[in-house]
PDB file of N, CA and C in Angstrom:
ATOM      1  N   MET A   1      57.494 244.691  63.102  1.00  0.00           N
ATOM      2  CA  MET A   1      56.478 244.026  62.333  1.00  0.00           C
ATOM      3  C   MET A   1      56.148 245.004  61.296  1.00  0.00           C
ATOM      4  N   ALA A   2      55.452 243.884  60.383  1.00  0.00           N
ATOM      5  CA  ALA A   2      55.313 244.413  58.777  1.00  0.00           C
ATOM      6  C   ALA A   2      53.913 245.359  59.008  1.00  0.00           C
ATOM      7  N   THR A   3      53.565 246.432  58.370  1.00  0.00           N
ATOM      8  CA  THR A   3      52.374 247.302  58.549  1.00  0.00           C
ATOM      9  C   THR A   3      51.619 247.078  57.170  1.00  0.00           C
ATOM     10  N   PRO A   4      50.302 247.317  56.974  1.00  0.00           N
ATOM     11  CA  PRO A   4      49.759 247.294  55.623  1.00  0.00           C
ATOM     12  C   PRO A   4      50.274 248.253  54.926  1.00  0.00           C
ATOM     13  N   SER A   5      50.657 249.489  55.245  1.00  0.00           N
ATOM     14  CA  SER A   5      50.885 250.533  54.286  1.00  0.00           C
ATOM     15  C   SER A   5      52.249 250.387  53.810  1.00  0.00           C
ATOM     16  N   SER A   6      53.042 249.774  54.348  1.00  0.00           N
ATOM     17  CA  SER A   6      54.321 249.746  53.945  1.00  0.00           C
ATOM     18  C   SER A   6      55.002 248.403  53.125  1.00  0.00           C
ATOM     19  N   ASP A   7      54.613 247.297  53.448  1.00  0.00           N
ATOM     20  CA  ASP A   7      55.258 245.945  53.105  1.00  0.00           C
ATOM     21  C   ASP A   7      54.171 245.260  52.695  1.00  0.00           C
ATOM     22  N   ILE A   8      53.542 245.448  51.523  1.00  0.00           N
ATOM     23  CA  ILE A   8      52.688 244.482  50.811  1.00  0.00           C
ATOM     24  C   ILE A   8      53.570 243.714  50.050  1.00  0.00           C
ATOM     25  N   PRO A   9      52.782 242.439  49.789  1.00  0.00           N
ATOM     26  CA  PRO A   9      53.745 241.169  49.050  1.00  0.00           C
ATOM     27  C   PRO A   9      53.413 241.606  47.613  1.00  0.00           C
ATOM     28  N   PRO A  10      54.677 240.708  46.920  1.00  0.00           N
ATOM     29  CA  PRO A  10      54.535 241.013  45.586  1.00  0.00           C
ATOM     30  C   PRO A  10      53.322 240.296  45.311  1.00  0.00           C
ATOM     31  N   PRO A  11      53.287 240.351  43.961  1.00  0.00           N
ATOM     32  CA  PRO A  11      51.696 239.698  43.043  1.00  0.00           C
ATOM     33  C   PRO A  11      51.986 237.922  43.237  1.00  0.00           C
ATOM     34  N   ALA A  12      53.029 237.789  43.219  1.00  0.00           N
ATOM     35  CA  ALA A  12      53.462 236.490  43.384  1.00  0.00           C
ATOM     36  C   ALA A  12      54.424 235.914  44.416  1.00  0.00           C
ATOM     37  N   ILE A  13      54.427 234.842  45.157  1.00  0.00           N
ATOM     38  CA  ILE A  13      55.775 234.317  46.113  1.00  0.00           C
ATOM     39  C   ILE A  13      55.992 233.115  45.485  1.00  0.00           C
ATOM     40  N   GLY A  14      57.390 233.037  45.179  1.00  0.00           N
ATOM     41  CA  GLY A  14      57.685 232.088  44.357  1.00  0.00           C
ATOM     42  C   GLY A  14      56.881 231.591  43.315  1.00  0.00           C
ATOM     43  N   SER A  15      56.162 230.524  42.904  1.00  0.00           N
ATOM     44  CA  SER A  15      55.226 230.362  41.738  1.00  0.00           C
ATOM     45  C   SER A  15      53.744 230.457  42.220  1.00  0.00           C
ATOM     46  N   ASP A  16      53.447 231.227  43.153  1.00  0.00           N
ATOM     47  CA  ASP A  16      52.284 231.395  43.592  1.00  0.00           C
ATOM     48  C   ASP A  16      51.581 232.664  43.534  1.00  0.00           C
ATOM     49  N   ARG A  17      50.413 232.781  42.831  1.00  0.00           N
ATOM     50  CA  ARG A  17      50.062 234.412  42.757  1.00  0.00           C
ATOM     51  C   ARG A  17      49.038 234.530  44.102  1.00  0.00           C
ATOM     52  N   VAL A  18      49.348 235.537  44.808  1.00  0.00           N
ATOM     53  CA  VAL A  18      49.000 236.009  45.935  1.00  0.00           C
ATOM     54  C   VAL A  18      47.239 236.317  45.570  1.00  0.00           C
ATOM     55  N   ILE A  19      46.662 235.858  46.291  1.00  0.00           N
ATOM     56  CA  ILE A  19      45.142 236.146  46.073  1.00  0.00           C
ATOM     57  C   ILE A  19      44.653 237.126  46.917  1.00  0.00           C
ATOM     58  N   ALA A  20      45.069 237.431  48.341  1.00  0.00           N
ATOM     59  CA  ALA A  20      44.704 237.865  49.563  1.00  0.00           C
ATOM     60  C   ALA A  20      45.973 237.575  50.533  1.00  0.00           C
ATOM     61  N   TYR A  21      46.258 238.678  51.435  1.00  0.00           N
ATOM     62  CA  TYR A  21      47.108 238.631  52.568  1.00  0.00           C
ATOM     63  C   TYR A  21      46.636 239.393  53.758  1.00  0.00           C
ATOM     64  N   ALA A  22      47.209 239.242  54.775  1.00  0.00           N
ATOM     65  CA  ALA A  22      46.913 239.904  55.961  1.00  0.00           C
ATOM     66  C   ALA A  22      48.012 240.038  56.814  1.00  0.00           C
ATOM     67  N   PHE A  23      47.930 240.952  57.717  1.00  0.00           N
ATOM     68  CA  PHE A  23      49.556 241.156  58.630  1.00  0.00           C
ATOM     69  C   PHE A  23      48.886 240.650  59.944  1.00  0.00           C
ATOM     70  N   VAL A  24      49.481 239.905  60.836  1.00  0.00           N
ATOM     71  CA  VAL A  24      49.146 239.570  62.459  1.00  0.00           C
ATOM     72  C   VAL A  24      49.480 240.886  63.161  1.00  0.00           C
ATOM     73  N   ASP A  25      48.551 241.546  63.666  1.00  0.00           N
ATOM     74  CA  ASP A  25      48.673 242.645  64.430  1.00  0.00           C
ATOM     75  C   ASP A  25      48.363 242.349  65.750  1.00  0.00           C
ATOM     76  N   THR A  26      48.027 243.287  66.610  1.00  0.00           N
ATOM     77  CA  THR A  26      47.824 243.306  67.834  1.00  0.00           C
ATOM     78  C   THR A  26      46.254 242.890  68.146  1.00  0.00           C
ATOM     79  N   SER A  27      45.372 243.164  67.053  1.00  0.00           N
ATOM     80  CA  SER A  27      43.763 242.572  67.173  1.00  0.00           C
ATOM     81  C   SER A  27      43.541 241.260  66.669  1.00  0.00           C
ATOM     82  N   VAL A  28      44.647 240.403  66.469  1.00  0.00           N
ATOM     83  CA  VAL A  28      44.634 239.234  66.137  1.00  0.00           C
ATOM     84  C   VAL A  28      45.375 238.094  67.571  1.00  0.00           C
ATOM     85  N   THR A  29      44.910 237.340  67.648  1.00  0.00           N
ATOM     86  CA  THR A  29      45.281 236.130  68.566  1.00  0.00           C
ATOM     87  C   THR A  29      45.633 234.660  67.838  1.00  0.00           C
ATOM     88  N   PHE A  30      47.090 234.375  68.142  1.00  0.00           N
ATOM     89  CA  PHE A  30      47.337 233.417  68.014  1.00  0.00           C
ATOM     90  C   PHE A  30      46.919 231.981  68.466  1.00  0.00           C
ATOM     91  N   THR A  31      46.327 231.279  68.287  1.00  0.00           N
ATOM     92  CA  THR A  31      45.424 230.428  69.028  1.00  0.00           C
ATOM     93  C   THR A  31      46.581 229.173  69.179  1.00  0.00           C
ATOM     94  N   GLY A  32      47.116 228.486  68.279  1.00  0.00           N
ATOM     95  CA  GLY A  32      48.225 227.558  68.393  1.00  0.00           C
ATOM     96  C   GLY A  32      47.424 226.248  67.974  1.00  0.00           C
ATOM     97  N   LYS A  33      46.318 226.416  67.481  1.00  0.00           N
ATOM     98  CA  LYS A  33      45.090 225.122  67.256  1.00  0.00           C
ATOM     99  C   LYS A  33      45.812 224.433  66.122  1.00  0.00           C
ATOM    100  N   LYS A  34      46.479 224.934  65.667  1.00  0.00           N
ATOM    101  CA  LYS A  34      47.090 223.928  64.354  1.00  0.00           C
ATOM    102  C   LYS A  34      48.911 223.903  64.557  1.00  0.00           C
ATOM    103  N   ARG A  35      49.333 222.485  64.470  1.00  0.00           N
ATOM    104  CA  ARG A  35      50.806 222.255  64.581  1.00  0.00           C
ATOM    105  C   ARG A  35      50.909 222.454  63.387  1.00  0.00           C
ATOM    106  N   LEU A  36      52.126 223.181  62.789  1.00  0.00           N
ATOM    107  CA  LEU A  36      52.929 223.231  61.299  1.00  0.00           C
ATOM    108  C   LEU A  36      54.359 223.135  61.766  1.00  0.00           C
ATOM    109  N   PHE A  37      54.908 222.397  61.130  1.00  0.00           N
ATOM    110  CA  PHE A  37      56.178 222.171  61.246  1.00  0.00           C
ATOM    111  C   PHE A  37      57.052 222.357  60.019  1.00  0.00           C
ATOM    112  N   ALA A  38      57.968 222.983  60.139  1.00  0.00           N
ATOM    113  CA  ALA A  38      58.896 223.347  59.009  1.00  0.00           C
ATOM    114  C   ALA A  38      60.545 223.172  59.696  1.00  0.00           C
ATOM    115  N   ASP A  39      61.025 222.409  58.605  1.00  0.00           N
ATOM    116  CA  ASP A  39      62.225 222.032  59.111  1.00  0.00           C
ATOM    117  C   ASP A  39      62.160 221.315  60.350  1.00  0.00           C
ATOM    118  N   ASP A  40      61.544 220.582  60.590  1.00  0.00           N
ATOM    119  CA  ASP A  40      61.693 219.504  61.913  1.00  0.00           C
ATOM    120  C   ASP A  40      61.320 220.786  63.165  1.00  0.00           C
ATOM    121  N   GLU A  41      60.995 221.653  62.897  1.00  0.00           N
ATOM    122  CA  GLU A  41      60.651 222.638  64.092  1.00  0.00           C
ATOM    123  C   GLU A  41      59.194 223.158  64.113  1.00  0.00           C
ATOM    124  N   LEU A  42      58.510 223.262  65.184  1.00  0.00           N
ATOM    125  CA  LEU A  42      57.152 223.904  65.324  1.00  0.00           C
ATOM    126  C   LEU A  42      57.529 225.245  64.954  1.00  0.00           C
ATOM    127  N   LEU A  43      56.421 225.568  64.249  1.00  0.00           N
ATOM    128  CA  LEU A  43      56.271 226.986  63.463  1.00  0.00           C
ATOM    129  C   LEU A  43      55.025 227.751  64.428  1.00  0.00           C
ATOM    130  N   GLY A  44      55.536 228.883  65.002  1.00  0.00           N
ATOM    131  CA  GLY A  44      54.739 229.763  65.814  1.00  0.00           C
ATOM    132  C   GLY A  44      54.124 230.552  65.276  1.00  0.00           C
ATOM    133  N   ALA A  45      53.678 231.743  65.939  1.00  0.00           N
ATOM    134  CA  ALA A  45      53.080 232.844  65.129  1.00  0.00           C
ATOM    135  C   ALA A  45      53.822 233.443  64.135  1.00  0.00           C
ATOM    136  N   VAL A  46      53.379 233.952  63.080  1.00  0.00           N
ATOM    137  CA  VAL A  46      54.275 234.544  61.904  1.00  0.00           C
ATOM    138  C   VAL A  46      53.450 235.888  61.907  1.00  0.00           C
ATOM    139  N   PRO A  47      54.197 236.774  61.097  1.00  0.00           N
ATOM    140  CA  PRO A  47      53.690 238.419  61.032  1.00  0.00           C
ATOM    141  C   PRO A  47      52.653 238.465  59.906  1.00  0.00           C
ATOM    142  N   CYS A  48      52.846 237.831  58.764  1.00  0.00           N
ATOM    143  CA  CYS A  48      52.152 237.914  57.884  1.00  0.00           C
ATOM    144  C   CYS A  48      51.809 236.418  56.845  1.00  0.00           C
ATOM    145  N   ILE A  49      50.510 236.604  56.365  1.00  0.00           N
ATOM    146  CA  ILE A  49      50.044 235.567  55.726  1.00  0.00           C
ATOM    147  C   ILE A  49      49.554 235.503  54.415  1.00  0.00           C
ATOM    148  N   ALA A  50      49.833 234.680  53.577  1.00  0.00           N
ATOM    149  CA  ALA A  50      49.088 234.929  52.044  1.00  0.00           C
ATOM    150  C   ALA A  50      48.339 233.847  51.892  1.00  0.00           C
ATOM    151  N   ILE A  51      47.078 233.947  51.085  1.00  0.00           N
ATOM    152  CA  ILE A  51      46.766 233.083  50.334  1.00  0.00           C
ATOM    153  C   ILE A  51      46.695 233.141  49.095  1.00  0.00           C
ATOM    154  N   CYS A  52      47.066 231.735  48.380  1.00  0.00           N
ATOM    155  CA  CYS A  52      47.506 232.003  47.146  1.00  0.00           C
ATOM    156  C   CYS A  52      47.130 231.025  46.367  1.00  0.00           C
ATOM    157  N   LYS A  53      47.287 230.964  44.743  1.00  0.00           N
ATOM    158  CA  LYS A  53      46.754 230.151  43.976  1.00  0.00           C
ATOM    159  C   LYS A  53      48.111 229.646  43.379  1.00  0.00           C
ATOM    160  N   SER A  54      48.433 228.541  43.019  1.00  0.00           N
ATOM    161  CA  SER A  54      49.745 227.885  41.923  1.00  0.00           C
ATOM    162  C   SER A  54      49.440 228.451  40.859  1.00  0.00           C
ATOM    163  N   LEU A  55      50.617 229.001  40.068  1.00  0.00           N
ATOM    164  CA  LEU A  55      50.409 229.378  38.634  1.00  0.00           C
ATOM    165  C   LEU A  55      50.286 228.144  37.771  1.00  0.00           C
ATOM    166  N   ASP A  56      50.729 227.110  38.354  1.00  0.00           N
ATOM    167  CA  ASP A  56      50.608 225.688  37.912  1.00  0.00           C
ATOM    168  C   ASP A  56      49.269 225.174  37.788  1.00  0.00           C
ATOM    169  N   GLU A  57      48.595 225.218  36.576  1.00  0.00           N
ATOM    170  CA  GLU A  57      47.040 224.937  36.312  1.00  0.00           C
ATOM    171  C   GLU A  57      46.774 223.601  36.850  1.00  0.00           C
ATOM    172  N   GLU A  58      47.650 222.520  37.110  1.00  0.00           N
ATOM    173  CA  GLU A  58      47.441 221.343  37.681  1.00  0.00           C
ATOM    174  C   GLU A  58      47.295 221.312  38.896  1.00  0.00           C
ATOM    175  N   LEU A  59      47.785 222.249  39.653  1.00  0.00           N
ATOM    176  CA  LEU A  59      47.482 222.273  41.187  1.00  0.00           C
ATOM    177  C   LEU A  59      46.416 223.335  41.333  1.00  0.00           C
ATOM    178  N   LYS A  60      45.396 222.646  42.339  1.00  0.00           N
ATOM    179  CA  LYS A  60      44.120 223.175  42.209  1.00  0.00           C
ATOM    180  C   LYS A  60      43.952 223.860  43.600  1.00  0.00           C
ATOM    181  N   ASP A  61      44.680 223.123  44.445  1.00  0.00           N
ATOM    182  CA  ASP A  61      44.487 223.470  45.824  1.00  0.00           C
ATOM    183  C   ASP A  61      44.947 225.097  46.250  1.00  0.00           C
ATOM    184  N   TYR A  62      44.260 225.967  47.484  1.00  0.00           N
ATOM    185  CA  TYR A  62      44.618 227.233  47.896  1.00  0.00           C
ATOM    186  C   TYR A  62      45.797 226.910  48.821  1.00  0.00           C
ATOM    187  N   LEU A  63      46.743 227.668  48.713  1.00  0.00           N
ATOM    188  CA  LEU A  63      47.878 227.577  49.368  1.00  0.00           C
ATOM    189  C   LEU A  63      47.760 228.740  50.505  1.00  0.00           C
ATOM    190  N   ILE A  64      48.185 228.313  51.525  1.00  0.00           N
ATOM    191  CA  ILE A  64      48.358 229.084  52.637  1.00  0.00           C
ATOM    192  C   ILE A  64      49.857 229.234  53.136  1.00  0.00           C
ATOM    193  N   LEU A  65      50.615 230.419  52.779  1.00  0.00           N
ATOM    194  CA  LEU A  65      51.643 230.760  52.730  1.00  0.00           C
ATOM    195  C   LEU A  65      51.928 231.631  54.262  1.00  0.00           C
ATOM    196  N   TYR A  66      52.647 230.768  55.310  1.00  0.00           N
ATOM    197  CA  TYR A  66      53.148 231.576  56.455  1.00  0.00           C
ATOM    198  C   TYR A  66      54.236 232.218  56.562  1.00  0.00           C
ATOM    199  N   CYS A  67      54.444 233.756  56.531  1.00  0.00           N
ATOM    200  CA  CYS A  67      55.608 234.297  56.063  1.00  0.00           C
ATOM    201  C   CYS A  67      56.060 235.315  57.178  1.00  0.00           C
ATOM    202  N   ASP A  68      57.319 235.654  57.084  1.00  0.00           N
ATOM    203  CA  ASP A  68      58.213 236.848  57.887  1.00  0.00           C
ATOM    204  C   ASP A  68      57.826 238.111  57.344  1.00  0.00           C
ATOM    205  N   GLU A  69      58.380 238.864  57.780  1.00  0.00           N
ATOM    206  CA  GLU A  69      57.887 240.242  57.197  1.00  0.00           C
ATOM    207  C   GLU A  69      58.555 240.976  56.052  1.00  0.00           C
ATOM    208  N   GLU A  70      59.116 240.142  55.443  1.00  0.00           N
ATOM    209  CA  GLU A  70      59.986 239.966  54.124  1.00  0.00           C
ATOM    210  C   GLU A  70      59.072 239.117  52.890  1.00  0.00           C
ATOM    211  N   TRP A  71      57.751 238.822  53.675  1.00  0.00           N
ATOM    212  CA  TRP A  71      57.415 237.438  52.678  1.00  0.00           C
ATOM    213  C   TRP A  71      57.997 236.426  52.301  1.00  0.00           C
ATOM    214  N   ASN A  72      59.135 236.278  53.091  1.00  0.00           N
ATOM    215  CA  ASN A  72      59.871 234.847  52.927  1.00  0.00           C
ATOM    216  C   ASN A  72      58.852 233.653  53.481  1.00  0.00           C
ATOM    217  N   VAL A  73      58.769 232.888  53.021  1.00  0.00           N
ATOM    218  CA  VAL A  73      57.951 231.567  53.189  1.00  0.00           C
ATOM    219  C   VAL A  73      58.675 230.757  54.348  1.00  0.00           C
ATOM    220  N   LEU A  74      57.749 230.810  55.834  1.00  0.00           N
ATOM    221  CA  LEU A  74      58.241 229.766  56.549  1.00  0.00           C
ATOM    222  C   LEU A  74      57.626 228.470  56.610  1.00  0.00           C
ATOM    223  N   GLY A  75      56.219 228.411  56.124  1.00  0.00           N
ATOM    224  CA  GLY A  75      55.310 227.505  56.143  1.00  0.00           C
ATOM    225  C   GLY A  75      54.406 227.607  55.191  1.00  0.00           C
ATOM    226  N   VAL A  76      54.057 226.164  54.782  1.00  0.00           N
ATOM    227  CA  VAL A  76      52.854 226.303  53.757  1.00  0.00           C
ATOM    228  C   VAL A  76      51.783 225.025  54.054  1.00  0.00           C
ATOM    229  N   THR A  77      50.470 225.496  54.285  1.00  0.00           N
ATOM    230  CA  THR A  77      49.293 224.078  54.103  1.00  0.00           C
ATOM    231  C   THR A  77      48.586 224.576  52.927  1.00  0.00           C
ATOM    232  N   GLY A  78      47.635 223.729  52.788  1.00  0.00           N
ATOM    233  CA  GLY A  78      46.572 224.105  51.655  1.00  0.00           C
ATOM    234  C   GLY A  78      45.140 223.465  51.534  1.00  0.00           C
ATOM    235  N   GLN A  79      44.218 224.132  51.169  1.00  0.00           N
ATOM    236  CA  GLN A  79      43.005 224.057  51.327  1.00  0.00           C
ATOM    237  C   GLN A  79      42.423 223.691  49.929  1.00  0.00           C
ATOM    238  N   PRO A  80      41.081 222.912  49.505  1.00  0.00           N
ATOM    239  CA  PRO A  80      40.756 222.752  48.231  1.00  0.00           C
ATOM    240  C   PRO A  80      39.821 223.870  47.866  1.00  0.00           C
ATOM    241  N   SER A  81      39.537 224.856  48.794  1.00  0.00           N
ATOM    242  CA  SER A  81      38.823 226.210  48.356  1.00  0.00           C
ATOM    243  C   SER A  81      39.184 227.436  49.165  1.00  0.00           C
ATOM    244  N   TYR A  82      39.021 228.554  48.583  1.00  0.00           N
ATOM    245  CA  TYR A  82      39.406 229.910  49.100  1.00  0.00           C
ATOM    246  C   TYR A  82      38.745 229.903  50.571  1.00  0.00           C
ATOM    247  N   ALA A  83      37.561 229.828  50.482  1.00  0.00           N
ATOM    248  CA  ALA A  83      36.704 229.818  51.954  1.00  0.00           C
ATOM    249  C   ALA A  83      37.252 228.570  52.974  1.00  0.00           C
ATOM    250  N   LYS A  84      37.978 227.876  52.528  1.00  0.00           N
ATOM    251  CA  LYS A  84      37.997 226.437  53.390  1.00  0.00           C
ATOM    252  C   LYS A  84      39.559 226.907  53.817  1.00  0.00           C
ATOM    253  N   ALA A  85      40.331 227.932  53.313  1.00  0.00           N
ATOM    254  CA  ALA A  85      41.730 228.410  53.472  1.00  0.00           C
ATOM    255  C   ALA A  85      41.601 229.421  54.401  1.00  0.00           C
ATOM    256  N   LEU A  86      40.533 230.099  54.062  1.00  0.00           N
ATOM    257  CA  LEU A  86      40.352 231.590  55.038  1.00  0.00           C
ATOM    258  C   LEU A  86      39.817 230.744  56.741  1.00  0.00           C
ATOM    259  N   ASP A  87      39.141 229.688  56.543  1.00  0.00           N
ATOM    260  CA  ASP A  87      38.769 229.240  57.728  1.00  0.00           C
ATOM    261  C   ASP A  87      39.777 228.641  58.555  1.00  0.00           C
ATOM    262  N   GLU A  88      40.671 228.067  57.966  1.00  0.00           N
ATOM    263  CA  GLU A  88      41.808 227.339  58.412  1.00  0.00           C
ATOM    264  C   GLU A  88      42.814 228.708  58.994  1.00  0.00           C
ATOM    265  N   VAL A  89      42.910 229.378  58.330  1.00  0.00           N
ATOM    266  CA  VAL A  89      43.739 230.827  58.758  1.00  0.00           C
ATOM    267  C   VAL A  89      43.030 231.509  60.235  1.00  0.00           C
ATOM    268  N   GLU A  90      41.824 231.475  60.132  1.00  0.00           N
ATOM    269  CA  GLU A  90      41.293 232.138  61.299  1.00  0.00           C
ATOM    270  C   GLU A  90      40.600 231.055  62.405  1.00  0.00           C
ATOM    271  N   ARG A  91      41.308 229.999  62.450  1.00  0.00           N
ATOM    272  CA  ARG A  91      40.987 229.033  63.415  1.00  0.00           C
ATOM    273  C   ARG A  91      42.620 228.921  63.995  1.00  0.00           C
ATOM    274  N   CYS A  92      43.729 229.420  63.446  1.00  0.00           N
ATOM    275  CA  CYS A  92      45.150 229.591  63.800  1.00  0.00           C
ATOM    276  C   CYS A  92      45.013 230.953  64.222  1.00  0.00           C
ATOM    277  N   TYR A  93      44.408 231.996  63.641  1.00  0.00           N
ATOM    278  CA  TYR A  93      44.838 233.389  64.199  1.00  0.00           C
ATOM    279  C   TYR A  93      43.329 233.913  64.079  1.00  0.00           C
ATOM    280  N   ASP A  94      42.824 233.824  65.308  1.00  0.00           N
ATOM    281  CA  ASP A  94      41.375 234.277  65.912  1.00  0.00           C
ATOM    282  C   ASP A  94      41.558 236.030  65.703  1.00  0.00           C
ATOM    283  N   GLY A  95      40.449 236.367  64.638  1.00  0.00           N
ATOM    284  CA  GLY A  95      40.413 237.538  64.283  1.00  0.00           C
ATOM    285  C   GLY A  95      41.199 238.165  63.044  1.00  0.00           C
ATOM    286  N   ILE A  96      41.622 237.088  62.409  1.00  0.00           N
ATOM    287  CA  ILE A  96      42.545 237.602  61.090  1.00  0.00           C
ATOM    288  C   ILE A  96      41.421 237.875  59.948  1.00  0.00           C
ATOM    289  N   SER A  97      40.231 237.250  59.895  1.00  0.00           N
ATOM    290  CA  SER A  97      39.582 237.162  58.842  1.00  0.00           C
ATOM    291  C   SER A  97      39.234 238.646  58.309  1.00  0.00           C
ATOM    292  N   ASN A  98      38.989 239.610  59.397  1.00  0.00           N
ATOM    293  CA  ASN A  98      38.742 240.838  58.998  1.00  0.00           C
ATOM    294  C   ASN A  98      40.167 241.601  58.244  1.00  0.00           C
ATOM    295  N   GLN A  99      41.330 241.368  58.703  1.00  0.00           N
ATOM    296  CA  GLN A  99      42.505 241.624  58.192  1.00  0.00           C
ATOM    297  C   GLN A  99      42.592 241.485  56.700  1.00  0.00           C
ATOM    298  N   PHE A 100      42.214 240.292  56.052  1.00  0.00           N
ATOM    299  CA  PHE A 100      42.730 240.257  54.751  1.00  0.00           C
ATOM    300  C   PHE A 100      42.595 241.129  53.865  1.00  0.00           C
ATOM    301  N   ILE A 101      43.517 241.508  52.860  1.00  0.00           N
ATOM    302  CA  ILE A 101      43.434 242.526  51.835  1.00  0.00           C
ATOM    303  C   ILE A 101      43.272 241.525  50.552  1.00  0.00           C
ATOM    304  N   HIS A 102      42.422 241.880  49.426  1.00  0.00           N
ATOM    305  CA  HIS A 102      42.387 241.162  48.307  1.00  0.00           C
ATOM    306  C   HIS A 102      43.307 241.762  47.108  1.00  0.00           C
ATOM    307  N   LEU A 103      43.983 240.906  46.536  1.00  0.00           N
ATOM    308  CA  LEU A 103      44.643 241.554  45.266  1.00  0.00           C
ATOM    309  C   LEU A 103      43.749 241.120  44.073  1.00  0.00           C
ATOM    310  N   ASN A 104      43.909 242.159  43.305  1.00  0.00           N
ATOM    311  CA  ASN A 104      43.071 241.679  41.877  1.00  0.00           C
ATOM    312  C   ASN A 104      43.966 242.065  40.741  1.00  0.00           C
ATOM    313  N   ASP A 105      45.255 241.461  41.024  1.00  0.00           N
ATOM    314  CA  ASP A 105      46.091 241.192  39.836  1.00  0.00           C
ATOM    315  C   ASP A 105      45.770 240.068  39.009  1.00  0.00           C
ATOM    316  N   SER A 106      45.959 240.185  37.695  1.00  0.00           N
ATOM    317  CA  SER A 106      45.357 238.995  36.844  1.00  0.00           C
ATOM    318  C   SER A 106      46.605 238.313  36.892  1.00  0.00           C
ATOM    319  N   GLU A 107      46.435 237.057  36.549  1.00  0.00           N
ATOM    320  CA  GLU A 107      46.973 235.886  36.225  1.00  0.00           C
ATOM    321  C   GLU A 107      48.179 236.488  35.504  1.00  0.00           C
ATOM    322  N   ARG A 108      47.728 237.035  34.220  1.00  0.00           N
ATOM    323  CA  ARG A 108      48.503 237.433  33.275  1.00  0.00           C
ATOM    324  C   ARG A 108      49.468 238.334  33.715  1.00  0.00           C
ATOM    325  N   ALA A 109      49.126 239.274  34.428  1.00  0.00           N
ATOM    326  CA  ALA A 109      49.810 240.379  34.896  1.00  0.00           C
ATOM    327  C   ALA A 109      51.172 239.676  36.044  1.00  0.00           C
ATOM    328  N   VAL A 110      50.659 238.493  36.822  1.00  0.00           N
ATOM    329  CA  VAL A 110      51.380 238.006  37.603  1.00  0.00           C
ATOM    330  C   VAL A 110      52.458 237.019  36.737  1.00  0.00           C
ATOM    331  N   ARG A 111      52.181 236.437  35.902  1.00  0.00           N
ATOM    332  CA  ARG A 111      53.167 235.759  35.012  1.00  0.00           C
ATOM    333  C   ARG A 111      54.216 236.714  34.548  1.00  0.00           C
ATOM    334  N   LYS A 112      53.963 237.935  34.360  1.00  0.00           N
ATOM    335  CA  LYS A 112      55.080 239.118  33.757  1.00  0.00           C
ATOM    336  C   LYS A 112      56.279 238.759  35.086  1.00  0.00           C
TER     337      LYS A 112
END
């Protein structure tokens, strides 16, 4: 399982700038209240979650990336605001709101 001290995500995952990330540890409960399918399979609990913003300025939504320990994306959902994205993640992973770590990488630094 990933840990905050050893496996932080890169500043961008794919073409999405990481705004905040969290690890699903023993203090978090996977609720299963949202069903997310990836490749026609129901995605269960994941160890890492990132809330991102696309580097494509035309895309306005905040993306929630459900990832494995190496930050490979297993599933994606979106919300129109950061607050709504955080609410969605909390609905699916009770207690995770306190786990999020915010990154302060500028968009310019991420594009490099």
